[in-house]
């Protein structure tokens, strides 16, 4: 089936320390799928607020498609490495990012030469065994990636929560949806996956 692998693609300063920001590859018979793209560089504004450390060397270049869980700077900052490659995103997330504000990425990181967004309105299948599930909360257009593996369903949940403790509190619709799946879950800022529990 499909194998998920985490890659440290950036670090950002939050909660008093540098926090990891992971992206994932999914090995699929049709080719490698990349979920989120971390950062490949920064801006003066981001440096002041977040002090990011990009790890672009962790990003594979030969992928059949990219999925963005959401379009915050530390999750889509490497999209520009993939001109012409389909980038799957929820339509409402792309519209909000283009409107700007908050932690969305700079405009040139969203719309770049060769940007090829595939916009979805709700659940969708990217490839057999890889599906998208809207999980609003962190952003209105946040999505998780559901992956069928030999071990069963696994969920790449991005920033649906920053920690498993936060996820277990089930404060947002997205958190409740992910908890309801009862599956091994990967979070952007946590090193290892686990099956989350409601607290």
N, C-alpha and C. Protein backbone atom coordinates (compact mmCIF):
# COMPACT_ATOMS: atom_id res chain seq x y z
N UNK A 1 0.85 -1.19 0.00
CA UNK A 1 0.00 0.00 0.00
C UNK A 1 0.89 1.25 0.00
N UNK A 2 0.45 2.27 0.69
CA UNK A 2 1.15 3.54 0.65
C UNK A 2 1.92 3.78 1.94
N UNK A 3 3.13 4.30 1.82
CA UNK A 3 4.01 4.51 2.97
C UNK A 3 4.21 6.00 3.17
N UNK A 4 4.00 6.47 4.41
CA UNK A 4 4.17 7.87 4.76
C UNK A 4 5.53 8.05 5.44
N UNK A 5 6.22 9.11 5.05
CA UNK A 5 7.51 9.44 5.67
C UNK A 5 7.53 10.91 6.00
N UNK A 6 7.94 11.27 7.21
CA UNK A 6 8.02 12.67 7.65
C UNK A 6 9.40 13.24 7.32
N UNK A 7 9.43 14.54 6.99
CA UNK A 7 10.67 15.25 6.68
C UNK A 7 10.64 16.60 7.41
N UNK A 8 11.70 16.94 8.12
CA UNK A 8 11.79 18.25 8.77
C UNK A 8 12.09 19.29 7.70
N UNK A 9 11.12 20.15 7.41
CA UNK A 9 11.26 21.10 6.30
C UNK A 9 11.45 22.54 6.75
N UNK A 10 11.25 22.82 8.03
CA UNK A 10 11.45 24.17 8.55
C UNK A 10 11.36 24.11 10.07
N UNK A 11 11.84 25.17 10.68
CA UNK A 11 11.63 25.40 12.11
C UNK A 11 11.19 26.84 12.26
N UNK A 12 10.28 27.08 13.20
CA UNK A 12 9.81 28.45 13.47
C UNK A 12 9.85 28.69 14.96
N UNK A 13 10.10 29.93 15.35
CA UNK A 13 10.18 30.27 16.76
C UNK A 13 8.79 30.54 17.30
N UNK A 14 8.36 29.72 18.22
CA UNK A 14 7.04 29.88 18.85
C UNK A 14 7.09 29.24 20.22
N UNK A 15 6.29 29.74 21.14
CA UNK A 15 6.25 29.21 22.50
C UNK A 15 7.63 29.18 23.15
N UNK A 16 8.46 30.19 22.80
CA UNK A 16 9.75 30.36 23.45
C UNK A 16 10.88 29.50 22.91
N UNK A 17 10.66 28.77 21.82
CA UNK A 17 11.72 27.91 21.28
C UNK A 17 11.45 27.64 19.80
N UNK A 18 12.49 27.14 19.12
CA UNK A 18 12.29 26.72 17.74
C UNK A 18 11.43 25.47 17.73
N UNK A 19 10.38 25.50 16.92
CA UNK A 19 9.47 24.37 16.80
C UNK A 19 9.63 23.73 15.42
N UNK A 20 9.64 22.40 15.34
CA UNK A 20 9.77 21.75 14.04
C UNK A 20 8.51 21.92 13.21
N UNK A 21 8.69 21.95 11.91
CA UNK A 21 7.57 21.94 10.97
C UNK A 21 7.84 20.84 9.96
N UNK A 22 7.04 19.78 10.05
CA UNK A 22 7.25 18.63 9.19
C UNK A 22 6.38 18.70 7.94
N UNK A 23 6.88 18.10 6.87
CA UNK A 23 6.10 17.79 5.67
C UNK A 23 6.20 16.28 5.51
N UNK A 24 5.42 15.73 4.59
CA UNK A 24 5.38 14.28 4.45
C UNK A 24 5.40 13.88 2.98
N UNK A 25 6.01 12.74 2.73
CA UNK A 25 5.88 12.11 1.42
C UNK A 25 5.06 10.85 1.58
N UNK A 26 4.28 10.57 0.54
CA UNK A 26 3.50 9.34 0.48
C UNK A 26 3.98 8.58 -0.75
N UNK A 27 4.53 7.41 -0.53
CA UNK A 27 4.95 6.56 -1.65
C UNK A 27 3.70 5.89 -2.22
N UNK A 28 3.42 6.19 -3.47
CA UNK A 28 2.21 5.68 -4.15
C UNK A 28 2.65 5.04 -5.46
N UNK A 29 1.95 4.03 -5.95
CA UNK A 29 2.33 3.41 -7.23
C UNK A 29 2.43 4.41 -8.39
N UNK A 30 1.65 5.50 -8.34
CA UNK A 30 1.71 6.50 -9.41
C UNK A 30 2.85 7.49 -9.25
N UNK A 31 3.55 7.45 -8.11
CA UNK A 31 4.65 8.36 -7.86
C UNK A 31 4.57 8.94 -6.46
N UNK A 32 5.54 9.78 -6.14
CA UNK A 32 5.64 10.36 -4.81
C UNK A 32 4.70 11.55 -4.67
N UNK A 33 3.91 11.56 -3.59
CA UNK A 33 3.02 12.67 -3.27
C UNK A 33 3.64 13.43 -2.11
N UNK A 34 3.70 14.73 -2.21
CA UNK A 34 4.25 15.58 -1.15
C UNK A 34 3.12 16.34 -0.48
N UNK A 35 3.06 16.25 0.85
CA UNK A 35 2.06 16.99 1.62
C UNK A 35 2.76 18.11 2.36
N UNK A 36 2.43 19.34 1.98
CA UNK A 36 3.04 20.58 2.46
C UNK A 36 4.48 20.70 1.96
N UNK A 37 4.98 21.93 1.97
CA UNK A 37 6.30 22.18 1.38
C UNK A 37 7.22 23.00 2.26
N UNK A 38 6.87 23.21 3.53
CA UNK A 38 7.76 23.93 4.43
C UNK A 38 8.13 25.30 3.91
N UNK A 39 9.43 25.62 3.98
CA UNK A 39 9.94 26.92 3.51
C UNK A 39 11.26 26.71 2.78
N UNK A 40 11.51 27.55 1.78
CA UNK A 40 12.81 27.52 1.11
C UNK A 40 13.58 28.81 1.34
N UNK A 41 12.90 29.84 1.85
CA UNK A 41 13.54 31.11 2.18
C UNK A 41 12.62 31.86 3.12
N UNK A 42 12.93 33.13 3.39
CA UNK A 42 12.12 33.89 4.33
C UNK A 42 11.99 35.32 3.84
N UNK A 43 11.37 36.15 4.64
CA UNK A 43 11.25 37.59 4.38
C UNK A 43 11.64 38.32 5.66
N UNK A 44 11.92 39.62 5.54
CA UNK A 44 12.29 40.40 6.73
C UNK A 44 11.16 40.37 7.76
N UNK A 45 9.93 40.46 7.29
CA UNK A 45 8.78 40.45 8.21
C UNK A 45 8.67 39.11 8.95
N UNK A 46 8.80 38.02 8.22
CA UNK A 46 8.73 36.71 8.85
C UNK A 46 9.91 36.49 9.80
N UNK A 47 11.09 36.99 9.42
CA UNK A 47 12.27 36.86 10.28
C UNK A 47 12.04 37.54 11.62
N UNK A 48 11.43 38.71 11.60
CA UNK A 48 11.17 39.45 12.84
C UNK A 48 10.16 38.70 13.73
N UNK A 49 9.12 38.18 13.12
CA UNK A 49 8.04 37.58 13.91
C UNK A 49 8.30 36.12 14.30
N UNK A 50 8.90 35.35 13.41
CA UNK A 50 8.96 33.91 13.61
C UNK A 50 10.37 33.32 13.61
N UNK A 51 11.36 34.07 13.14
CA UNK A 51 12.75 33.60 13.06
C UNK A 51 12.86 32.21 12.42
N UNK A 52 12.26 32.02 11.26
CA UNK A 52 12.23 30.68 10.66
C UNK A 52 13.61 30.20 10.19
N UNK A 53 13.76 28.90 10.22
CA UNK A 53 14.95 28.24 9.68
C UNK A 53 14.46 27.26 8.62
N UNK A 54 14.58 27.62 7.33
CA UNK A 54 14.15 26.69 6.28
C UNK A 54 15.10 25.51 6.15
N UNK A 55 14.55 24.37 5.76
CA UNK A 55 15.34 23.17 5.49
C UNK A 55 14.93 22.64 4.12
N UNK A 56 15.21 23.42 3.09
CA UNK A 56 14.75 23.07 1.74
C UNK A 56 15.39 21.79 1.22
N UNK A 57 16.54 21.42 1.78
CA UNK A 57 17.21 20.19 1.32
C UNK A 57 16.37 18.95 1.62
N UNK A 58 15.41 19.08 2.52
CA UNK A 58 14.56 17.93 2.89
C UNK A 58 13.46 17.67 1.87
N UNK A 59 13.25 18.62 0.97
CA UNK A 59 12.12 18.50 0.03
C UNK A 59 12.50 17.71 -1.21
N UNK A 60 11.78 16.63 -1.50
CA UNK A 60 12.03 15.90 -2.74
C UNK A 60 11.57 16.76 -3.92
N UNK A 61 12.22 16.63 -5.04
CA UNK A 61 11.84 17.44 -6.21
C UNK A 61 10.97 16.68 -7.20
N UNK A 62 11.12 15.36 -7.24
CA UNK A 62 10.41 14.56 -8.24
C UNK A 62 9.12 14.02 -7.63
N UNK A 63 8.05 14.80 -7.73
CA UNK A 63 6.77 14.40 -7.15
C UNK A 63 5.69 14.49 -8.22
N UNK A 64 4.65 13.66 -8.08
CA UNK A 64 3.55 13.70 -9.05
C UNK A 64 2.53 14.77 -8.68
N UNK A 65 2.45 15.11 -7.40
CA UNK A 65 1.56 16.19 -6.98
C UNK A 65 1.93 16.63 -5.57
N UNK A 66 1.41 17.80 -5.21
CA UNK A 66 1.57 18.38 -3.88
C UNK A 66 0.18 18.56 -3.30
N UNK A 67 0.05 18.35 -1.99
CA UNK A 67 -1.17 18.70 -1.27
C UNK A 67 -0.78 19.70 -0.21
N UNK A 68 -1.45 20.84 -0.16
CA UNK A 68 -1.25 21.79 0.94
C UNK A 68 -2.38 21.59 1.95
N UNK A 69 -2.01 21.29 3.21
CA UNK A 69 -3.04 21.22 4.24
C UNK A 69 -3.68 22.59 4.41
N UNK A 70 -2.84 23.64 4.30
CA UNK A 70 -3.31 25.02 4.35
C UNK A 70 -2.17 25.89 3.81
N UNK A 71 -2.44 27.18 3.67
CA UNK A 71 -1.49 28.05 2.98
C UNK A 71 -0.81 29.06 3.90
N UNK A 72 -0.46 28.63 5.10
CA UNK A 72 0.39 29.47 5.95
C UNK A 72 1.83 29.33 5.48
N UNK A 73 2.62 30.37 5.78
CA UNK A 73 3.96 30.49 5.21
C UNK A 73 4.85 29.28 5.43
N UNK A 74 4.73 28.62 6.59
CA UNK A 74 5.62 27.50 6.90
C UNK A 74 5.12 26.17 6.35
N UNK A 75 4.02 26.21 5.60
CA UNK A 75 3.46 25.00 5.01
C UNK A 75 3.43 25.04 3.48
N UNK A 76 3.53 26.24 2.93
CA UNK A 76 3.49 26.36 1.46
C UNK A 76 4.66 27.18 0.91
N UNK A 77 5.63 27.49 1.76
CA UNK A 77 6.75 28.32 1.32
C UNK A 77 7.64 27.68 0.27
N UNK A 78 7.53 26.38 0.11
CA UNK A 78 8.31 25.69 -0.93
C UNK A 78 7.51 25.37 -2.17
N UNK A 79 6.25 25.82 -2.24
CA UNK A 79 5.44 25.53 -3.43
C UNK A 79 6.12 25.97 -4.71
N UNK A 80 6.91 27.05 -4.64
CA UNK A 80 7.55 27.59 -5.85
C UNK A 80 8.55 26.64 -6.48
N UNK A 81 8.93 25.59 -5.76
CA UNK A 81 9.82 24.58 -6.33
C UNK A 81 9.09 23.66 -7.31
N UNK A 82 7.75 23.80 -7.39
CA UNK A 82 6.95 22.83 -8.15
C UNK A 82 6.08 23.49 -9.23
N UNK A 83 6.68 24.31 -10.10
CA UNK A 83 5.87 24.87 -11.19
C UNK A 83 5.38 23.76 -12.10
N UNK A 84 4.11 23.85 -12.48
CA UNK A 84 3.53 22.86 -13.38
C UNK A 84 3.06 21.60 -12.69
N UNK A 85 3.38 21.43 -11.42
CA UNK A 85 2.95 20.25 -10.66
C UNK A 85 1.60 20.56 -10.03
N UNK A 86 0.62 19.67 -10.14
CA UNK A 86 -0.68 19.93 -9.51
C UNK A 86 -0.53 20.10 -7.99
N UNK A 87 -1.09 21.18 -7.46
CA UNK A 87 -1.07 21.47 -6.02
C UNK A 87 -2.52 21.48 -5.56
N UNK A 88 -2.89 20.49 -4.75
CA UNK A 88 -4.27 20.32 -4.31
C UNK A 88 -4.53 21.15 -3.05
N UNK A 89 -5.59 21.95 -3.10
CA UNK A 89 -5.93 22.85 -2.01
C UNK A 89 -7.44 23.06 -2.00
N UNK A 90 -7.99 23.36 -0.84
CA UNK A 90 -9.40 23.72 -0.79
C UNK A 90 -9.57 25.12 -1.39
N UNK A 91 -10.61 25.29 -2.19
CA UNK A 91 -10.84 26.56 -2.89
C UNK A 91 -10.95 27.73 -1.92
N UNK A 92 -11.62 27.53 -0.80
CA UNK A 92 -11.78 28.61 0.18
C UNK A 92 -10.46 29.00 0.81
N UNK A 93 -9.54 28.04 0.95
CA UNK A 93 -8.21 28.33 1.49
C UNK A 93 -7.41 29.19 0.52
N UNK A 94 -7.47 28.84 -0.75
CA UNK A 94 -6.74 29.62 -1.75
C UNK A 94 -7.30 31.03 -1.84
N UNK A 95 -8.62 31.17 -1.81
CA UNK A 95 -9.23 32.50 -1.86
C UNK A 95 -8.82 33.35 -0.66
N UNK A 96 -8.80 32.74 0.53
CA UNK A 96 -8.41 33.48 1.74
C UNK A 96 -6.94 33.88 1.69
N UNK A 97 -6.08 32.98 1.19
CA UNK A 97 -4.66 33.30 1.09
C UNK A 97 -4.42 34.44 0.11
N UNK A 98 -5.14 34.42 -0.99
CA UNK A 98 -4.98 35.50 -1.96
C UNK A 98 -5.47 36.84 -1.41
N UNK A 99 -6.43 36.80 -0.48
CA UNK A 99 -6.93 38.02 0.16
C UNK A 99 -5.91 38.56 1.16
N UNK A 100 -5.00 37.70 1.64
CA UNK A 100 -3.92 38.12 2.52
C UNK A 100 -4.31 38.23 3.97
N UNK A 101 -3.33 38.61 4.78
CA UNK A 101 -3.56 38.78 6.20
C UNK A 101 -3.21 37.56 7.01
N UNK A 102 -3.13 37.75 8.32
CA UNK A 102 -2.82 36.64 9.22
C UNK A 102 -1.48 36.01 8.91
N UNK A 103 -1.40 34.71 9.04
CA UNK A 103 -0.15 33.99 8.82
C UNK A 103 -0.05 33.43 7.41
N UNK A 104 -0.94 33.86 6.51
CA UNK A 104 -0.83 33.38 5.14
C UNK A 104 0.50 33.81 4.54
N UNK A 105 0.96 33.08 3.55
CA UNK A 105 2.24 33.34 2.93
C UNK A 105 2.20 34.62 2.08
N UNK A 106 3.36 35.22 1.84
CA UNK A 106 3.41 36.37 0.92
C UNK A 106 2.81 36.00 -0.44
N UNK A 107 2.23 37.00 -1.10
CA UNK A 107 1.50 36.75 -2.35
C UNK A 107 2.35 36.01 -3.39
N UNK A 108 3.62 36.36 -3.50
CA UNK A 108 4.49 35.72 -4.48
C UNK A 108 4.79 34.27 -4.17
N UNK A 109 4.51 33.85 -2.94
CA UNK A 109 4.70 32.45 -2.58
C UNK A 109 3.47 31.64 -2.93
N UNK A 110 2.33 32.32 -3.08
CA UNK A 110 1.08 31.65 -3.44
C UNK A 110 0.95 31.58 -4.96
N UNK A 111 0.99 32.74 -5.60
CA UNK A 111 0.87 32.81 -7.06
C UNK A 111 2.24 33.09 -7.65
N UNK A 112 2.80 32.11 -8.29
CA UNK A 112 4.14 32.18 -8.88
C UNK A 112 4.06 31.63 -10.29
N UNK A 113 5.06 31.90 -11.10
CA UNK A 113 5.07 31.40 -12.47
C UNK A 113 4.95 29.87 -12.47
N UNK A 114 3.95 29.37 -13.15
CA UNK A 114 3.75 27.93 -13.25
C UNK A 114 2.92 27.33 -12.14
N UNK A 115 2.41 28.16 -11.22
CA UNK A 115 1.55 27.63 -10.15
C UNK A 115 0.33 26.94 -10.76
N UNK A 116 0.10 25.70 -10.35
CA UNK A 116 -0.98 24.90 -10.94
C UNK A 116 -1.85 24.34 -9.81
N UNK A 117 -2.74 25.19 -9.32
CA UNK A 117 -3.60 24.76 -8.22
C UNK A 117 -4.78 23.95 -8.73
N UNK A 118 -5.09 22.88 -8.01
CA UNK A 118 -6.29 22.10 -8.23
C UNK A 118 -7.18 22.39 -7.03
N UNK A 119 -8.26 23.12 -7.26
CA UNK A 119 -9.11 23.58 -6.17
C UNK A 119 -10.23 22.57 -5.90
N UNK A 120 -10.46 22.31 -4.63
CA UNK A 120 -11.51 21.38 -4.21
C UNK A 120 -12.50 22.09 -3.32
N UNK A 121 -13.74 21.68 -3.42
CA UNK A 121 -14.80 22.16 -2.53
C UNK A 121 -15.30 20.98 -1.71
N UNK A 122 -14.55 20.63 -0.69
CA UNK A 122 -14.94 19.51 0.14
C UNK A 122 -14.07 18.28 -0.09
N UNK A 123 -14.61 17.12 0.25
CA UNK A 123 -13.87 15.87 0.16
C UNK A 123 -13.53 15.55 -1.29
N UNK A 124 -12.38 14.92 -1.48
CA UNK A 124 -11.95 14.57 -2.84
C UNK A 124 -10.92 13.45 -2.76
N UNK A 125 -10.82 12.69 -3.85
CA UNK A 125 -9.77 11.68 -3.97
C UNK A 125 -8.68 12.24 -4.87
N UNK A 126 -7.44 12.26 -4.36
CA UNK A 126 -6.30 12.75 -5.14
C UNK A 126 -5.78 11.63 -6.03
N UNK A 127 -5.57 10.48 -5.44
CA UNK A 127 -5.15 9.26 -6.13
C UNK A 127 -5.81 8.10 -5.37
N UNK A 128 -5.92 6.93 -5.96
CA UNK A 128 -6.52 5.81 -5.22
C UNK A 128 -5.81 5.62 -3.88
N UNK A 129 -6.59 5.62 -2.80
CA UNK A 129 -6.03 5.44 -1.46
C UNK A 129 -5.55 6.71 -0.79
N UNK A 130 -5.70 7.86 -1.47
CA UNK A 130 -5.30 9.15 -0.88
C UNK A 130 -6.45 10.12 -1.07
N UNK A 131 -7.07 10.52 0.06
CA UNK A 131 -8.26 11.36 0.02
C UNK A 131 -8.08 12.62 0.86
N UNK A 132 -8.83 13.65 0.50
CA UNK A 132 -8.81 14.91 1.23
C UNK A 132 -10.08 15.03 2.06
N UNK A 133 -9.91 15.56 3.28
CA UNK A 133 -11.04 15.78 4.18
C UNK A 133 -10.92 17.18 4.77
N UNK A 134 -11.88 18.08 4.49
CA UNK A 134 -11.85 19.40 5.12
C UNK A 134 -11.93 19.27 6.64
N UNK A 135 -11.03 19.96 7.33
CA UNK A 135 -11.02 19.95 8.81
C UNK A 135 -10.84 21.40 9.30
N UNK A 136 -11.88 22.21 9.18
CA UNK A 136 -11.76 23.63 9.51
C UNK A 136 -11.49 23.86 10.99
N UNK A 137 -10.83 24.98 11.24
CA UNK A 137 -10.50 25.36 12.61
C UNK A 137 -9.28 26.24 12.61
N UNK A 138 -8.13 25.68 12.34
CA UNK A 138 -6.90 26.47 12.25
C UNK A 138 -7.04 27.53 11.17
N UNK A 139 -7.57 27.12 10.02
CA UNK A 139 -8.06 28.03 8.99
C UNK A 139 -9.38 27.46 8.49
N UNK A 140 -10.19 28.29 7.85
CA UNK A 140 -11.48 27.80 7.34
C UNK A 140 -11.30 26.73 6.27
N UNK A 141 -10.22 26.83 5.50
CA UNK A 141 -10.01 25.90 4.40
C UNK A 141 -8.98 24.82 4.67
N UNK A 142 -8.66 24.59 5.94
CA UNK A 142 -7.69 23.56 6.30
C UNK A 142 -8.22 22.19 5.89
N UNK A 143 -7.32 21.32 5.40
CA UNK A 143 -7.71 19.97 5.03
C UNK A 143 -6.70 18.96 5.57
N UNK A 144 -7.19 17.77 5.84
CA UNK A 144 -6.35 16.64 6.21
C UNK A 144 -6.26 15.71 5.02
N UNK A 145 -5.24 14.86 5.04
CA UNK A 145 -5.03 13.86 3.99
C UNK A 145 -5.20 12.49 4.62
N UNK A 146 -6.13 11.71 4.09
CA UNK A 146 -6.39 10.36 4.59
C UNK A 146 -5.69 9.36 3.67
N UNK A 147 -4.87 8.51 4.26
CA UNK A 147 -4.03 7.60 3.47
C UNK A 147 -4.27 6.17 3.91
N UNK A 148 -4.61 5.31 2.97
CA UNK A 148 -4.73 3.89 3.23
C UNK A 148 -3.34 3.27 3.21
N UNK A 149 -2.92 2.68 4.33
CA UNK A 149 -1.61 2.03 4.42
C UNK A 149 -1.80 0.58 4.80
N UNK A 150 -0.73 -0.19 4.79
CA UNK A 150 -0.81 -1.59 5.21
C UNK A 150 -1.25 -1.71 6.66
N UNK A 151 -0.95 -0.68 7.46
CA UNK A 151 -1.32 -0.70 8.88
C UNK A 151 -2.74 -0.17 9.10
N UNK A 152 -3.41 0.23 8.04
CA UNK A 152 -4.75 0.81 8.16
C UNK A 152 -4.73 2.28 7.78
N UNK A 153 -5.81 2.97 8.10
CA UNK A 153 -5.93 4.38 7.78
C UNK A 153 -4.95 5.20 8.60
N UNK A 154 -4.24 6.13 7.94
CA UNK A 154 -3.41 7.12 8.63
C UNK A 154 -3.85 8.50 8.15
N UNK A 155 -3.73 9.48 9.05
CA UNK A 155 -4.22 10.83 8.79
C UNK A 155 -3.06 11.81 8.90
N UNK A 156 -2.84 12.57 7.83
CA UNK A 156 -1.90 13.69 7.89
C UNK A 156 -2.76 14.91 8.15
N UNK A 157 -2.70 15.41 9.38
CA UNK A 157 -3.65 16.43 9.83
C UNK A 157 -3.09 17.84 9.88
N UNK A 158 -1.84 18.04 9.47
CA UNK A 158 -1.28 19.38 9.41
C UNK A 158 -1.38 20.10 10.74
N UNK A 159 -1.94 21.31 10.71
CA UNK A 159 -2.08 22.13 11.91
C UNK A 159 -3.49 22.07 12.48
N UNK A 160 -4.19 20.96 12.30
CA UNK A 160 -5.50 20.84 12.92
C UNK A 160 -5.35 21.08 14.43
N UNK A 161 -4.16 20.78 14.96
CA UNK A 161 -3.78 21.10 16.34
C UNK A 161 -2.26 21.15 16.38
N UNK A 162 -1.71 21.91 17.35
CA UNK A 162 -0.26 21.98 17.49
C UNK A 162 0.31 20.82 18.29
N UNK A 163 -0.54 20.18 19.09
CA UNK A 163 -0.10 19.06 19.92
C UNK A 163 -1.24 18.06 20.03
N UNK A 164 -0.92 16.86 20.48
CA UNK A 164 -1.97 15.87 20.69
C UNK A 164 -2.84 16.24 21.89
N UNK A 165 -2.26 16.94 22.85
CA UNK A 165 -3.07 17.41 23.98
C UNK A 165 -4.14 18.39 23.49
N UNK A 166 -3.74 19.34 22.63
CA UNK A 166 -4.71 20.28 22.07
C UNK A 166 -5.75 19.55 21.22
N UNK A 167 -5.31 18.61 20.41
CA UNK A 167 -6.23 17.85 19.56
C UNK A 167 -7.27 17.13 20.42
N UNK A 168 -6.83 16.58 21.54
CA UNK A 168 -7.73 15.83 22.41
C UNK A 168 -8.82 16.68 23.05
N UNK A 169 -8.64 17.99 23.06
CA UNK A 169 -9.65 18.88 23.64
C UNK A 169 -10.84 19.08 22.71
N UNK A 170 -10.66 18.76 21.44
CA UNK A 170 -11.76 18.75 20.45
C UNK A 170 -12.54 20.06 20.44
N UNK A 171 -11.83 21.17 20.36
CA UNK A 171 -12.50 22.49 20.39
C UNK A 171 -13.01 22.94 19.03
N UNK A 172 -12.44 22.42 17.95
CA UNK A 172 -12.86 22.86 16.62
C UNK A 172 -13.54 21.70 15.89
N UNK A 173 -14.27 22.06 14.86
CA UNK A 173 -14.90 21.03 14.03
C UNK A 173 -13.86 20.09 13.44
N UNK A 174 -12.75 20.66 12.96
CA UNK A 174 -11.69 19.84 12.38
C UNK A 174 -11.10 18.87 13.37
N UNK A 175 -10.86 19.33 14.60
CA UNK A 175 -10.32 18.44 15.63
C UNK A 175 -11.29 17.30 15.92
N UNK A 176 -12.57 17.62 16.01
CA UNK A 176 -13.56 16.57 16.27
C UNK A 176 -13.61 15.55 15.13
N UNK A 177 -13.50 16.03 13.90
CA UNK A 177 -13.51 15.11 12.75
C UNK A 177 -12.31 14.17 12.78
N UNK A 178 -11.12 14.72 13.07
CA UNK A 178 -9.92 13.89 13.12
C UNK A 178 -10.00 12.89 14.27
N UNK A 179 -10.44 13.33 15.43
CA UNK A 179 -10.59 12.41 16.56
C UNK A 179 -11.56 11.28 16.23
N UNK A 180 -12.63 11.61 15.53
CA UNK A 180 -13.65 10.62 15.18
C UNK A 180 -13.14 9.52 14.27
N UNK A 181 -12.05 9.78 13.56
CA UNK A 181 -11.49 8.76 12.66
C UNK A 181 -10.81 7.64 13.44
N UNK A 182 -10.32 7.94 14.64
CA UNK A 182 -9.66 6.91 15.46
C UNK A 182 -8.45 6.29 14.79
N UNK A 183 -7.72 7.09 14.01
CA UNK A 183 -6.62 6.57 13.21
C UNK A 183 -5.28 7.19 13.63
N UNK A 184 -4.21 6.51 13.29
CA UNK A 184 -2.88 7.08 13.49
C UNK A 184 -2.82 8.42 12.78
N UNK A 185 -2.36 9.44 13.51
CA UNK A 185 -2.42 10.82 13.02
C UNK A 185 -1.04 11.48 13.11
N UNK A 186 -0.71 12.21 12.06
CA UNK A 186 0.53 12.99 12.00
C UNK A 186 0.16 14.47 12.15
N UNK A 187 0.89 15.21 13.00
CA UNK A 187 0.71 16.65 13.16
C UNK A 187 1.98 17.36 12.73
N UNK A 188 1.84 18.56 12.20
CA UNK A 188 2.96 19.30 11.62
C UNK A 188 4.10 19.57 12.59
N UNK A 189 3.79 19.79 13.85
CA UNK A 189 4.82 20.22 14.79
C UNK A 189 5.15 19.16 15.84
N UNK A 190 4.79 17.91 15.55
CA UNK A 190 5.05 16.79 16.46
C UNK A 190 5.86 15.74 15.70
N UNK A 191 6.90 15.24 16.35
CA UNK A 191 7.85 14.34 15.67
C UNK A 191 7.24 13.02 15.24
N UNK A 192 6.42 12.41 16.11
CA UNK A 192 5.91 11.07 15.80
C UNK A 192 4.39 11.05 15.78
N UNK A 193 3.82 10.18 14.95
CA UNK A 193 2.35 10.07 14.92
C UNK A 193 1.84 9.20 16.05
N UNK A 194 0.55 9.33 16.32
CA UNK A 194 -0.10 8.41 17.25
C UNK A 194 -1.59 8.48 17.04
N UNK A 195 -2.31 7.57 17.66
CA UNK A 195 -3.78 7.62 17.62
C UNK A 195 -4.20 8.59 18.72
N UNK A 196 -4.83 9.71 18.37
CA UNK A 196 -5.21 10.69 19.39
C UNK A 196 -6.39 10.22 20.22
N UNK A 197 -6.46 10.75 21.44
CA UNK A 197 -7.56 10.42 22.35
C UNK A 197 -8.22 11.70 22.83
N UNK A 198 -9.52 11.65 23.00
CA UNK A 198 -10.25 12.80 23.52
C UNK A 198 -9.94 12.95 25.01
N UNK A 199 -9.78 14.19 25.45
CA UNK A 199 -9.45 14.47 26.86
C UNK A 199 -10.64 15.00 27.61
